[in-house]
């Protein structure tokens, strides 16, 4: 009975946090919609057009001087909404403790989705910076960067495939993720799990919501792989003792 009450309370807390974050995010987006991108757009363009090709430091100095808080508010507003979605997912699926996926195939799909999300985050950031005017007029086309992202995607797919080979053949379904926090596991997996979580925290602090989403999913995938390996180890130890 107590366990059921605890789960209900945790679910309500998570839903409350999700609602608060979503309202804050929506408020930031609403306020940002009332702002212009520049504090003085006419003066900015007058001084911008006086710059010569190669004056990158001067260009970025102008941006820092004349950009309003609009884009920062948009980024942090969306970041809060993404965090609200995470809190809702915890309320929906994780009140009994976060666990690995119920099937090996699901984890494999999530791993490749994480790779694709990171690729999309890179591509989106390049395109968004271009549309916001963060590149000077003399800068090279962004398309080499966008096309180069495909090479990054291939590397990410290869990276994902290599680490999915660490999954045990007899995949133990729905294991608590805290099993990953064991000194008896592959330290590389634990390092990747913590590094991905660190990426998500850093992205949230910077308002880089695409990398926040990718970092959270990567972290979950690595923790799930590590937890499944630890559960397999514990199962073999129990069998050997009998």
Protein backbone atom coordinates (compact mmCIF):
# COMPACT_ATOMS: atom_id res chain seq x y z
CA UNK A 1 0.00 0.00 0.00
CA UNK A 2 2.80 2.39 0.96
CA UNK A 3 4.59 1.68 -2.30
CA UNK A 4 1.47 2.52 -4.28
CA UNK A 5 1.09 5.79 -2.38
CA UNK A 6 4.73 6.65 -2.99
CA UNK A 7 4.36 6.01 -6.71
CA UNK A 8 1.23 8.16 -6.85
CA UNK A 9 2.99 10.99 -5.01
CA UNK A 10 6.03 10.79 -7.28
CA UNK A 11 3.77 10.86 -10.32
CA UNK A 12 1.95 13.95 -9.06
CA UNK A 13 5.22 15.71 -8.28
CA UNK A 14 6.60 14.91 -11.75
CA UNK A 15 3.38 16.11 -13.42
CA UNK A 16 3.46 19.31 -11.36
CA UNK A 17 7.06 19.96 -12.38
CA UNK A 18 6.12 19.28 -16.01
CA UNK A 19 3.23 21.75 -15.85
CA UNK A 20 5.34 24.46 -14.21
CA UNK A 21 8.18 24.05 -16.72
CA UNK A 22 5.75 24.09 -19.65
CA UNK A 23 4.07 27.27 -18.38
CA UNK A 24 7.42 28.98 -17.83
CA UNK A 25 8.58 27.94 -21.29
CA UNK A 26 5.37 29.16 -22.91
CA UNK A 27 5.72 32.45 -21.02
CA UNK A 28 9.25 32.98 -22.31
CA UNK A 29 8.14 32.21 -25.88
CA UNK A 30 5.20 34.62 -25.58
CA UNK A 31 7.44 37.40 -24.30
CA UNK A 32 10.07 36.70 -26.97
CA UNK A 33 7.43 37.03 -29.67
CA UNK A 34 6.96 40.67 -28.67
CA UNK A 35 10.64 41.54 -29.11
CA UNK A 36 12.51 42.50 -32.26
CA UNK A 37 15.74 40.62 -33.03
CA UNK A 38 17.81 43.82 -32.72
CA UNK A 39 17.62 46.68 -30.27
CA UNK A 40 18.29 49.10 -33.15
CA UNK A 41 18.11 47.27 -36.45
CA UNK A 42 18.73 50.33 -38.64
CA UNK A 43 21.90 51.33 -36.80
CA UNK A 44 23.10 47.73 -36.79
CA UNK A 45 22.85 47.43 -40.59
CA UNK A 46 24.44 50.83 -41.15
CA UNK A 47 27.49 49.79 -39.17
CA UNK A 48 27.42 46.23 -40.50
CA UNK A 49 27.58 47.36 -44.14
CA UNK A 50 30.63 49.46 -43.32
CA UNK A 51 32.59 46.35 -42.36
CA UNK A 52 35.09 44.87 -44.78
CA UNK A 53 35.32 41.14 -45.56
CA UNK A 54 37.37 39.41 -42.90
CA UNK A 55 36.38 41.68 -40.01
CA UNK A 56 34.88 38.77 -38.11
CA UNK A 57 35.68 40.07 -34.63
CA UNK A 58 34.04 43.41 -35.39
CA UNK A 59 30.97 41.65 -36.83
CA UNK A 60 30.48 39.50 -33.74
CA UNK A 61 31.03 42.56 -31.59
CA UNK A 62 28.16 44.26 -33.40
CA UNK A 63 25.98 41.22 -32.79
CA UNK A 64 26.72 41.29 -29.07
CA UNK A 65 25.97 45.01 -28.99
CA UNK A 66 22.72 45.07 -30.96
CA UNK A 67 21.09 41.66 -30.56
CA UNK A 68 18.10 41.72 -28.22
CA UNK A 69 17.25 38.93 -25.81
CA UNK A 70 14.68 37.53 -28.28
CA UNK A 71 16.60 34.49 -29.50
CA UNK A 72 17.94 33.63 -26.04
CA UNK A 73 14.41 33.70 -24.66
CA UNK A 74 13.20 31.48 -27.50
CA UNK A 75 15.98 28.96 -26.87
CA UNK A 76 15.40 28.80 -23.12
CA UNK A 77 11.64 28.69 -23.61
CA UNK A 78 11.88 25.63 -25.86
CA UNK A 79 14.45 24.10 -23.48
CA UNK A 80 11.97 24.39 -20.60
CA UNK A 81 9.26 22.78 -22.72
CA UNK A 82 11.62 19.90 -23.60
CA UNK A 83 12.36 19.45 -19.89
CA UNK A 84 8.62 19.51 -19.24
CA UNK A 85 8.27 16.66 -21.73
CA UNK A 86 10.98 14.72 -19.91
CA UNK A 87 9.20 15.25 -16.58
CA UNK A 88 5.96 14.02 -18.16
CA UNK A 89 7.72 10.90 -19.46
CA UNK A 90 9.08 10.25 -15.96
CA UNK A 91 5.56 10.62 -14.56
CA UNK A 92 4.17 8.32 -17.23
CA UNK A 93 6.79 5.58 -17.25
CA UNK A 94 9.35 6.12 -14.50
CA UNK A 95 7.59 6.54 -11.17
CA UNK A 96 8.51 2.99 -10.26
CA UNK A 97 12.15 3.70 -11.07
CA UNK A 98 13.73 4.26 -14.47
CA UNK A 99 14.32 0.99 -16.29
CA UNK A 100 15.85 -0.25 -19.51
CA UNK A 101 13.52 -0.96 -22.45
CA UNK A 102 11.38 -4.12 -22.32
CA UNK A 103 12.98 -5.53 -25.46
CA UNK A 104 16.38 -5.61 -27.12
CA UNK A 105 14.95 -4.37 -30.41
CA UNK A 106 13.51 -1.28 -28.71
CA UNK A 107 16.88 -0.39 -27.23
CA UNK A 108 18.56 -0.82 -30.61
CA UNK A 109 16.04 1.52 -32.22
CA UNK A 110 16.51 4.10 -29.46
CA UNK A 111 20.28 3.94 -29.93
CA UNK A 112 20.06 4.70 -33.65
CA UNK A 113 17.45 7.37 -32.94
CA UNK A 114 19.92 9.02 -30.54
CA UNK A 115 22.54 9.07 -33.29
CA UNK A 116 20.06 10.61 -35.73
CA UNK A 117 18.94 13.18 -33.15
CA UNK A 118 22.52 14.32 -32.60
CA UNK A 119 22.96 14.66 -36.37
CA UNK A 120 19.75 16.69 -36.59
CA UNK A 121 20.89 18.87 -33.68
CA UNK A 122 24.09 19.73 -35.54
CA UNK A 123 22.28 20.45 -38.81
CA UNK A 124 19.54 22.45 -37.12
CA UNK A 125 22.04 24.59 -35.21
CA UNK A 126 23.93 25.47 -38.39
CA UNK A 127 20.75 26.37 -40.27
CA UNK A 128 19.29 28.29 -37.34
CA UNK A 129 22.48 30.34 -36.92
CA UNK A 130 22.35 31.20 -40.61
CA UNK A 131 18.70 32.24 -40.50
CA UNK A 132 19.31 34.37 -37.41
CA UNK A 133 22.11 36.22 -39.16
CA UNK A 134 24.98 34.91 -37.04
CA UNK A 135 27.18 34.51 -40.13
CA UNK A 136 28.61 37.61 -41.89
CA UNK A 137 27.78 38.28 -45.53
CA UNK A 138 31.32 37.33 -46.62
CA UNK A 139 31.18 33.92 -44.97
CA UNK A 140 31.28 30.84 -47.18
CA UNK A 141 28.05 29.00 -47.91
CA UNK A 142 26.68 26.89 -45.09
CA UNK A 143 25.98 24.01 -47.47
CA UNK A 144 29.46 22.45 -47.11
CA UNK A 145 28.80 22.34 -43.37
CA UNK A 146 25.35 20.85 -43.91
CA UNK A 147 26.66 18.21 -46.32
CA UNK A 148 29.60 17.51 -44.01
CA UNK A 149 27.02 16.62 -41.39
CA UNK A 150 26.26 13.49 -43.41
CA UNK A 151 29.79 12.27 -42.70
CA UNK A 152 29.15 12.91 -39.02
CA UNK A 153 25.96 10.85 -39.30
CA UNK A 154 27.88 7.93 -40.81
CA UNK A 155 30.40 8.12 -37.97
CA UNK A 156 27.59 8.21 -35.41
CA UNK A 157 25.92 5.16 -36.96
CA UNK A 158 29.21 3.27 -36.86
CA UNK A 159 29.79 4.36 -33.27
CA UNK A 160 26.29 3.21 -32.31
CA UNK A 161 26.72 -0.16 -34.00
CA UNK A 162 30.03 -0.75 -32.19
CA UNK A 163 28.53 -0.02 -28.78
CA UNK A 164 25.39 -2.05 -29.39
CA UNK A 165 27.67 -5.06 -29.68
CA UNK A 166 28.20 -4.65 -25.93
CA UNK A 167 24.60 -5.74 -25.35
CA UNK A 168 24.35 -9.24 -23.87
CA UNK A 169 22.88 -11.85 -26.19
CA UNK A 170 20.33 -12.90 -23.60
CA UNK A 171 18.97 -9.40 -23.10
CA UNK A 172 17.35 -9.01 -19.65
CA UNK A 173 14.28 -6.84 -20.08
CA UNK A 174 13.30 -3.81 -17.99
CA UNK A 175 16.27 -3.63 -15.62
CA UNK A 176 16.63 -0.73 -13.13
CA UNK A 177 19.08 1.80 -14.51
CA UNK A 178 20.82 2.12 -11.14
CA UNK A 179 22.44 -1.22 -11.91
CA UNK A 180 24.68 0.74 -14.27
CA UNK A 181 26.32 2.48 -11.29
CA UNK A 182 28.60 -0.41 -10.46
CA UNK A 183 32.37 -0.57 -10.24
CA UNK A 184 32.23 -4.10 -11.65
CA UNK A 185 31.04 -2.88 -15.03
CA UNK A 186 32.95 -1.76 -18.09
CA UNK A 187 34.24 1.70 -17.00
CA UNK A 188 33.98 2.94 -20.59
CA UNK A 189 30.21 2.46 -20.57
CA UNK A 190 29.88 4.28 -17.25
CA UNK A 191 32.04 7.11 -18.56
CA UNK A 192 29.88 7.42 -21.70
CA UNK A 193 26.70 7.39 -19.63
CA UNK A 194 27.92 10.18 -17.36
CA UNK A 195 29.40 12.16 -20.26
CA UNK A 196 26.08 12.04 -22.12
CA UNK A 197 24.26 13.20 -19.00
CA UNK A 198 26.83 16.00 -18.68
CA UNK A 199 26.16 16.98 -22.31
CA UNK A 200 22.46 17.23 -21.52
CA UNK A 201 23.08 19.39 -18.44
CA UNK A 202 25.45 21.69 -20.34
CA UNK A 203 22.97 21.96 -23.22
CA UNK A 204 20.14 22.87 -20.83
CA UNK A 205 22.32 25.56 -19.22
CA UNK A 206 23.05 27.05 -22.65
CA UNK A 207 19.48 26.77 -23.93
CA UNK A 208 20.69 24.37 -26.64
CA UNK A 209 17.54 22.28 -26.61
CA UNK A 210 18.35 20.07 -29.65
CA UNK A 211 21.51 18.84 -27.91
CA UNK A 212 19.57 18.49 -24.66
CA UNK A 213 17.18 16.02 -26.28
CA UNK A 214 20.01 14.10 -27.95
CA UNK A 215 22.12 14.04 -24.78
CA UNK A 216 19.27 12.73 -22.65
CA UNK A 217 18.51 9.92 -25.09
CA UNK A 218 22.21 8.99 -25.44
CA UNK A 219 22.53 8.89 -21.66
CA UNK A 220 19.48 6.65 -21.34
CA UNK A 221 20.80 4.28 -24.02
CA UNK A 222 24.22 3.95 -22.39
CA UNK A 223 22.74 3.46 -18.92
CA UNK A 224 20.37 0.83 -20.34
CA UNK A 225 23.23 -1.07 -21.99
CA UNK A 226 25.27 -0.94 -18.80
CA UNK A 227 22.30 -2.01 -16.65
CA UNK A 228 21.56 -4.98 -18.93
CA UNK A 229 25.19 -6.10 -18.74
CA UNK A 230 25.19 -5.81 -14.94
CA UNK A 231 21.91 -7.74 -14.66
CA UNK A 232 23.42 -10.49 -16.81
CA UNK A 233 26.49 -10.61 -14.56
CA UNK A 234 24.34 -10.88 -11.45
CA UNK A 235 22.28 -13.62 -13.06
CA UNK A 236 25.39 -15.66 -13.90
CA UNK A 237 26.71 -15.19 -10.37
CA UNK A 238 23.45 -16.45 -8.87
CA UNK A 239 23.48 -19.48 -11.16
CA UNK A 240 27.09 -20.32 -10.31
CA UNK A 241 26.37 -20.12 -6.59
CA UNK A 242 23.63 -22.68 -6.95
